[in-house]
N, C-alpha and C. Protein backbone atom coordinates (compact mmCIF):
# COMPACT_ATOMS: atom_id res chain seq x y z
N UNK A 1 0.85 -1.18 0.00
CA UNK A 1 0.00 0.00 0.00
C UNK A 1 0.89 1.24 0.00
N UNK A 2 0.58 2.18 -0.86
CA UNK A 2 1.37 3.41 -0.90
C UNK A 2 0.93 4.38 0.21
N UNK A 3 1.75 5.39 0.44
CA UNK A 3 1.48 6.35 1.52
C UNK A 3 0.14 7.05 1.36
N UNK A 4 -0.18 7.46 0.14
CA UNK A 4 -1.43 8.18 -0.09
C UNK A 4 -2.64 7.31 0.26
N UNK A 5 -2.60 6.05 -0.11
CA UNK A 5 -3.70 5.14 0.21
C UNK A 5 -3.82 4.93 1.71
N UNK A 6 -2.69 4.81 2.37
CA UNK A 6 -2.69 4.64 3.82
C UNK A 6 -3.31 5.86 4.50
N UNK A 7 -2.88 7.07 4.12
CA UNK A 7 -3.43 8.28 4.72
C UNK A 7 -4.91 8.44 4.43
N UNK A 8 -5.35 8.03 3.27
CA UNK A 8 -6.78 8.08 2.95
C UNK A 8 -7.57 7.18 3.90
N UNK A 9 -7.06 6.00 4.18
CA UNK A 9 -7.72 5.09 5.12
C UNK A 9 -7.70 5.64 6.55
N UNK A 10 -6.58 6.21 6.95
CA UNK A 10 -6.48 6.79 8.29
C UNK A 10 -7.49 7.92 8.46
N UNK A 11 -7.60 8.79 7.48
CA UNK A 11 -8.54 9.90 7.56
C UNK A 11 -9.98 9.40 7.57
N UNK A 12 -10.28 8.39 6.80
CA UNK A 12 -11.64 7.82 6.79
C UNK A 12 -11.98 7.22 8.15
N UNK A 13 -11.03 6.52 8.74
CA UNK A 13 -11.26 5.94 10.07
C UNK A 13 -11.45 7.04 11.10
N UNK A 14 -10.63 8.08 11.04
CA UNK A 14 -10.75 9.19 12.00
C UNK A 14 -12.12 9.87 11.87
N UNK A 15 -12.56 10.12 10.65
CA UNK A 15 -13.88 10.74 10.46
C UNK A 15 -14.99 9.84 10.99
N UNK A 16 -14.82 8.54 10.89
CA UNK A 16 -15.84 7.61 11.37
C UNK A 16 -15.94 7.58 12.90
N UNK A 17 -14.81 7.67 13.59
CA UNK A 17 -14.86 7.58 15.06
C UNK A 17 -15.02 8.94 15.74
N UNK A 18 -14.75 10.02 15.04
CA UNK A 18 -14.78 11.34 15.65
C UNK A 18 -16.09 11.68 16.36
N UNK A 19 -17.26 11.39 15.79
CA UNK A 19 -18.50 11.74 16.49
C UNK A 19 -18.63 11.07 17.87
N UNK A 20 -18.07 9.90 18.05
CA UNK A 20 -18.11 9.23 19.36
C UNK A 20 -16.92 9.62 20.22
N UNK A 21 -15.76 9.79 19.60
CA UNK A 21 -14.52 10.04 20.33
C UNK A 21 -14.44 11.44 20.92
N UNK A 22 -14.76 12.44 20.12
CA UNK A 22 -14.55 13.83 20.56
C UNK A 22 -15.35 14.19 21.82
N UNK A 23 -16.65 13.89 21.90
CA UNK A 23 -17.38 14.22 23.14
C UNK A 23 -16.85 13.43 24.34
N UNK A 24 -16.45 12.19 24.11
CA UNK A 24 -15.89 11.37 25.18
C UNK A 24 -14.59 12.00 25.69
N UNK A 25 -13.73 12.39 24.79
CA UNK A 25 -12.45 13.00 25.14
C UNK A 25 -12.67 14.29 25.94
N UNK A 26 -13.56 15.15 25.45
CA UNK A 26 -13.81 16.43 26.12
C UNK A 26 -14.41 16.22 27.51
N UNK A 27 -15.39 15.33 27.62
CA UNK A 27 -16.03 15.07 28.91
C UNK A 27 -15.04 14.45 29.90
N UNK A 28 -14.27 13.47 29.43
CA UNK A 28 -13.30 12.79 30.27
C UNK A 28 -12.28 13.79 30.82
N UNK A 29 -11.75 14.64 29.95
CA UNK A 29 -10.76 15.64 30.38
C UNK A 29 -11.37 16.63 31.38
N UNK A 30 -12.56 17.10 31.10
CA UNK A 30 -13.21 18.08 31.99
C UNK A 30 -13.50 17.48 33.36
N UNK A 31 -13.96 16.24 33.39
CA UNK A 31 -14.29 15.59 34.66
C UNK A 31 -13.05 15.42 35.55
N UNK A 32 -11.90 15.39 34.96
CA UNK A 32 -10.67 15.18 35.72
C UNK A 32 -9.85 16.46 35.88
N UNK A 33 -10.41 17.57 35.42
CA UNK A 33 -9.77 18.86 35.61
C UNK A 33 -8.51 19.08 34.80
N UNK A 34 -8.36 18.35 33.71
CA UNK A 34 -7.15 18.48 32.90
C UNK A 34 -7.33 19.41 31.71
N UNK A 35 -8.51 19.51 31.18
CA UNK A 35 -8.71 20.18 29.91
C UNK A 35 -8.23 19.27 28.80
N UNK A 36 -8.65 19.57 27.59
CA UNK A 36 -8.30 18.68 26.48
C UNK A 36 -6.81 18.72 26.16
N UNK A 37 -6.18 19.88 26.31
CA UNK A 37 -4.74 19.93 26.03
C UNK A 37 -3.95 19.10 27.04
N UNK A 38 -4.32 19.20 28.31
CA UNK A 38 -3.62 18.43 29.34
C UNK A 38 -3.74 16.94 29.12
N UNK A 39 -4.96 16.48 28.79
CA UNK A 39 -5.15 15.06 28.51
C UNK A 39 -4.38 14.68 27.25
N UNK A 40 -4.38 15.57 26.28
CA UNK A 40 -3.62 15.30 25.05
C UNK A 40 -2.14 15.09 25.31
N UNK A 41 -1.57 15.90 26.21
CA UNK A 41 -0.14 15.73 26.54
C UNK A 41 0.10 14.41 27.26
N UNK A 42 -0.83 14.03 28.15
CA UNK A 42 -0.67 12.74 28.84
C UNK A 42 -0.65 11.60 27.83
N UNK A 43 -1.54 11.68 26.85
CA UNK A 43 -1.58 10.63 25.83
C UNK A 43 -0.35 10.69 24.92
N UNK A 44 0.09 11.89 24.60
CA UNK A 44 1.30 12.03 23.77
C UNK A 44 2.51 11.43 24.45
N UNK A 45 2.52 11.48 25.77
CA UNK A 45 3.66 10.94 26.52
C UNK A 45 3.86 9.46 26.26
N UNK A 46 2.79 8.76 25.89
CA UNK A 46 2.92 7.33 25.56
C UNK A 46 3.93 7.12 24.44
N UNK A 47 4.01 8.08 23.54
CA UNK A 47 4.94 8.00 22.42
C UNK A 47 6.38 7.99 22.88
N UNK A 48 6.64 8.67 23.98
CA UNK A 48 8.01 8.91 24.41
C UNK A 48 8.48 8.01 25.54
N UNK A 49 7.56 7.38 26.23
CA UNK A 49 7.98 6.58 27.39
C UNK A 49 8.94 5.49 26.97
N UNK A 50 9.96 5.21 27.76
CA UNK A 50 10.16 5.68 29.12
C UNK A 50 10.87 7.03 29.22
N UNK A 51 11.18 7.65 28.09
CA UNK A 51 11.82 8.96 28.12
C UNK A 51 10.82 10.01 28.58
N UNK A 52 11.35 11.11 29.10
CA UNK A 52 10.47 12.21 29.49
C UNK A 52 10.06 13.01 28.27
N UNK A 53 8.99 13.79 28.43
CA UNK A 53 8.49 14.60 27.33
C UNK A 53 9.12 15.99 27.44
N UNK A 54 9.71 16.44 26.35
CA UNK A 54 10.36 17.75 26.33
C UNK A 54 9.92 18.48 25.06
N UNK A 55 10.07 19.80 25.04
CA UNK A 55 9.75 20.53 23.82
C UNK A 55 10.54 20.01 22.61
N UNK A 56 11.79 19.66 22.84
CA UNK A 56 12.61 19.16 21.72
C UNK A 56 12.09 17.82 21.20
N UNK A 57 11.65 16.96 22.08
CA UNK A 57 11.11 15.68 21.62
C UNK A 57 9.78 15.88 20.90
N UNK A 58 9.01 16.84 21.36
CA UNK A 58 7.74 17.12 20.69
C UNK A 58 7.98 17.63 19.27
N UNK A 59 9.10 18.28 19.05
CA UNK A 59 9.41 18.76 17.71
C UNK A 59 9.64 17.62 16.72
N UNK A 60 9.94 16.43 17.21
CA UNK A 60 10.06 15.27 16.32
C UNK A 60 8.69 14.97 15.71
N UNK A 61 7.64 15.13 16.52
CA UNK A 61 6.28 14.88 16.05
C UNK A 61 5.72 16.05 15.26
N UNK A 62 6.13 17.26 15.61
CA UNK A 62 5.63 18.47 14.95
C UNK A 62 6.76 19.43 14.71
N UNK A 63 7.58 19.17 13.69
CA UNK A 63 8.81 19.94 13.49
C UNK A 63 8.59 21.40 13.13
N UNK A 64 7.38 21.78 12.75
CA UNK A 64 7.15 23.17 12.34
C UNK A 64 6.66 24.04 13.49
N UNK A 65 6.63 23.48 14.69
CA UNK A 65 6.27 24.24 15.88
C UNK A 65 7.55 24.51 16.67
N UNK A 66 7.72 25.75 17.07
CA UNK A 66 8.93 26.15 17.81
C UNK A 66 8.94 25.51 19.19
N UNK A 67 10.13 25.18 19.66
CA UNK A 67 10.29 24.59 20.99
C UNK A 67 9.67 25.48 22.06
N UNK A 68 9.80 26.80 21.92
CA UNK A 68 9.21 27.72 22.90
C UNK A 68 7.69 27.60 22.94
N UNK A 69 7.07 27.35 21.80
CA UNK A 69 5.61 27.17 21.77
C UNK A 69 5.21 25.90 22.52
N UNK A 70 5.96 24.83 22.34
CA UNK A 70 5.69 23.60 23.09
C UNK A 70 5.92 23.82 24.58
N UNK A 71 6.98 24.53 24.92
CA UNK A 71 7.26 24.81 26.32
C UNK A 71 6.09 25.55 26.96
N UNK A 72 5.61 26.57 26.28
CA UNK A 72 4.48 27.34 26.81
C UNK A 72 3.25 26.44 27.00
N UNK A 73 2.97 25.60 26.02
CA UNK A 73 1.83 24.68 26.12
C UNK A 73 1.97 23.75 27.32
N UNK A 74 3.14 23.17 27.49
CA UNK A 74 3.35 22.24 28.60
C UNK A 74 3.23 22.96 29.94
N UNK A 75 3.83 24.14 30.04
CA UNK A 75 3.75 24.89 31.29
C UNK A 75 2.31 25.28 31.61
N UNK A 76 1.57 25.69 30.59
CA UNK A 76 0.18 26.09 30.78
C UNK A 76 -0.69 24.89 31.12
N UNK A 77 -0.52 23.79 30.42
CA UNK A 77 -1.34 22.60 30.64
C UNK A 77 -1.18 22.05 32.05
N UNK A 78 0.02 22.16 32.58
CA UNK A 78 0.26 21.60 33.90
C UNK A 78 0.36 22.69 34.96
N UNK A 79 -0.15 23.88 34.60
CA UNK A 79 -0.33 24.99 35.54
C UNK A 79 0.96 25.40 36.26
N UNK A 80 2.05 25.36 35.53
CA UNK A 80 3.30 25.89 36.08
C UNK A 80 3.23 27.40 35.82
N UNK A 81 3.24 28.24 36.85
CA UNK A 81 2.91 29.65 36.68
C UNK A 81 3.86 30.46 35.81
N UNK A 82 5.12 30.12 35.79
CA UNK A 82 6.05 30.88 34.94
C UNK A 82 7.30 30.05 34.72
N UNK A 83 8.14 30.55 33.84
CA UNK A 83 9.34 29.77 33.47
C UNK A 83 10.29 29.58 34.63
N UNK A 84 10.25 30.44 35.62
CA UNK A 84 11.17 30.28 36.73
C UNK A 84 10.71 29.18 37.69
N UNK A 85 9.43 28.82 37.62
CA UNK A 85 8.93 27.71 38.41
C UNK A 85 9.16 26.45 37.59
N UNK A 86 10.24 25.80 37.83
CA UNK A 86 10.70 24.72 36.97
C UNK A 86 9.75 23.53 36.95
N UNK A 87 9.41 23.05 35.75
CA UNK A 87 8.62 21.83 35.64
C UNK A 87 9.49 20.58 35.78
N UNK A 88 10.78 20.80 35.97
CA UNK A 88 11.69 19.67 36.08
C UNK A 88 11.65 19.15 37.51
N UNK A 89 11.34 17.88 37.65
CA UNK A 89 11.36 17.27 38.98
C UNK A 89 12.68 16.53 39.10
N UNK A 90 12.64 15.23 39.25
CA UNK A 90 13.89 14.50 39.38
C UNK A 90 14.20 13.78 38.08
N UNK A 91 15.24 14.20 37.43
CA UNK A 91 15.75 13.46 36.30
C UNK A 91 15.20 13.80 34.94
N UNK A 92 14.36 14.78 34.80
CA UNK A 92 13.87 15.10 33.46
C UNK A 92 12.65 15.98 33.50
N UNK A 93 12.14 16.27 32.34
CA UNK A 93 10.97 17.13 32.21
C UNK A 93 9.70 16.32 32.35
N UNK A 94 8.70 16.91 32.97
CA UNK A 94 7.29 16.50 32.90
C UNK A 94 7.00 15.09 33.34
N UNK A 95 7.48 14.10 32.66
CA UNK A 95 7.14 12.72 33.03
C UNK A 95 7.42 12.43 34.49
N UNK A 96 8.60 12.78 35.03
CA UNK A 96 8.81 12.50 36.44
C UNK A 96 7.88 13.29 37.35
N UNK A 97 7.34 14.41 36.85
CA UNK A 97 6.43 15.22 37.66
C UNK A 97 5.04 14.60 37.70
N UNK A 98 4.74 13.75 36.75
CA UNK A 98 3.40 13.18 36.71
C UNK A 98 3.24 12.20 37.86
N UNK A 99 2.11 12.25 38.45
CA UNK A 99 1.82 11.42 39.60
C UNK A 99 1.21 10.11 39.15
N UNK A 100 1.02 9.23 40.12
CA UNK A 100 0.30 7.99 39.82
C UNK A 100 -1.10 8.30 39.31
N UNK A 101 -1.68 9.39 39.83
CA UNK A 101 -3.01 9.80 39.37
C UNK A 101 -3.01 10.06 37.86
N UNK A 102 -1.99 10.75 37.36
CA UNK A 102 -1.90 11.02 35.93
C UNK A 102 -1.83 9.71 35.14
N UNK A 103 -1.06 8.77 35.64
CA UNK A 103 -0.93 7.48 34.94
C UNK A 103 -2.25 6.71 34.97
N UNK A 104 -2.95 6.77 36.10
CA UNK A 104 -4.26 6.11 36.19
C UNK A 104 -5.26 6.75 35.24
N UNK A 105 -5.24 8.08 35.17
CA UNK A 105 -6.13 8.79 34.25
C UNK A 105 -5.88 8.34 32.83
N UNK A 106 -4.62 8.29 32.45
CA UNK A 106 -4.28 7.90 31.09
C UNK A 106 -4.73 6.48 30.79
N UNK A 107 -4.47 5.56 31.71
CA UNK A 107 -4.90 4.17 31.52
C UNK A 107 -6.40 4.05 31.46
N UNK A 108 -7.09 4.78 32.33
CA UNK A 108 -8.54 4.76 32.35
C UNK A 108 -9.10 5.28 31.03
N UNK A 109 -8.52 6.35 30.51
CA UNK A 109 -9.00 6.90 29.25
C UNK A 109 -8.85 5.89 28.12
N UNK A 110 -7.74 5.22 28.07
CA UNK A 110 -7.52 4.23 27.01
C UNK A 110 -8.57 3.12 27.12
N UNK A 111 -8.85 2.66 28.34
CA UNK A 111 -9.87 1.61 28.51
C UNK A 111 -11.27 2.09 28.16
N UNK A 112 -11.61 3.29 28.63
CA UNK A 112 -12.95 3.84 28.35
C UNK A 112 -13.13 4.03 26.84
N UNK A 113 -12.12 4.56 26.21
CA UNK A 113 -12.21 4.79 24.76
C UNK A 113 -12.35 3.48 24.00
N UNK A 114 -11.56 2.49 24.36
CA UNK A 114 -11.64 1.19 23.69
C UNK A 114 -13.04 0.59 23.86
N UNK A 115 -13.57 0.71 25.06
CA UNK A 115 -14.90 0.18 25.34
C UNK A 115 -15.97 0.92 24.54
N UNK A 116 -15.87 2.23 24.50
CA UNK A 116 -16.85 3.06 23.82
C UNK A 116 -16.84 2.83 22.32
N UNK A 117 -15.68 2.65 21.76
CA UNK A 117 -15.55 2.55 20.31
C UNK A 117 -15.66 1.12 19.77
N UNK A 118 -15.74 0.16 20.69
CA UNK A 118 -15.80 -1.23 20.18
C UNK A 118 -17.21 -1.66 19.89
């Protein structure tokens, strides 16, 4: 299968699940006080584990977004008030700062979504 055919299938699948997925995503994020961007970052972290999530790593996924823009998004999503309040905990960015609660939320979302869409 060529790339164009693959992307056509991916887009068709996304359009098919979006009416069920989007309200679920928004409700799930709101109920847990994360907002959609915060939940999105938790899910994006799956891509990078066991490494921590950093603006530079995010640029691998979205190379046309400046590292400073990703930094601002991460700081805002996790309510770090300013750049001097370091989001770095022990050993790296963001991931080490996430609590067991964040990991449970992420796992719960994956299960709820799988159940809803099956």
